[in-house]
Amino acid sequence: MGRAARVLIGGVALLCLALAATPSAAATTAVTIEGTAFKPSTISVAVGDTVSWTNLDGGAHTVTSNTGVWESGTIRGGGGQFTRVFSTAGRFEYFCQLHAWMLGVVVVGGDGVRAAQTTAPITAAPSAFAARASIAAEPVAAAPTVALPDRAGRPSVNDGAPGPVFVALAGVLIVGLVGLAWVLVRGT
């Protein structure tokens, strides 16, 4: 077998090893906010997955954990977004601070497996928030969009960094090209 063939086979083997060693990519699940409701109101994701809420209404909304685990801040209407990575399994109920009847649930499964959606009813927003929301006026449409990263210190999925598969493929490609150039220069 020629040297060029061995370099090519070695490059393919490195690519296979890199792909096998790369953890599976986390998924992103979309929830829309429209008609003063979260759609869908209950979603099921795996640990490590991202949920992205997009506000399609004209007015502002929030995505606030019932237990205070996260708070989106004001999400501007007409396309404002908030994203959060769910790093632990469990059932996470949330609501809009400005419209206490807007309720949702994220069910997070363990070990990278999507959880089965439960049929348990969504509980009401915490009473302190419900009372405040019932007297709050609709905010102005020009409210700023705030997208907070996961408070556990994990980087945002939109930070622009290349993923591990891309880095592995780029490395294999560079090694393969250098090896091929070396074989061609040597004339063997």
Foldseek 3Di string as FASTA:
>chain_A
DDLLVVLVVVLVVLLVVLVVPADDDAEEAEWEQPPNETVPQEDWGEAFHKYKYWAQDQFWWWWAWLVRQDIFPIAAHRTGMAMEHHHDADKTKTATLQAQVHIHIYGYDYPRDIDDTDPDDRDTRPPVSVVVNVPDDTDDNPDDGGYDYRPVPDDDPPPPDDGSSVVSVVVSVVSSVVSNVVCVVVPD
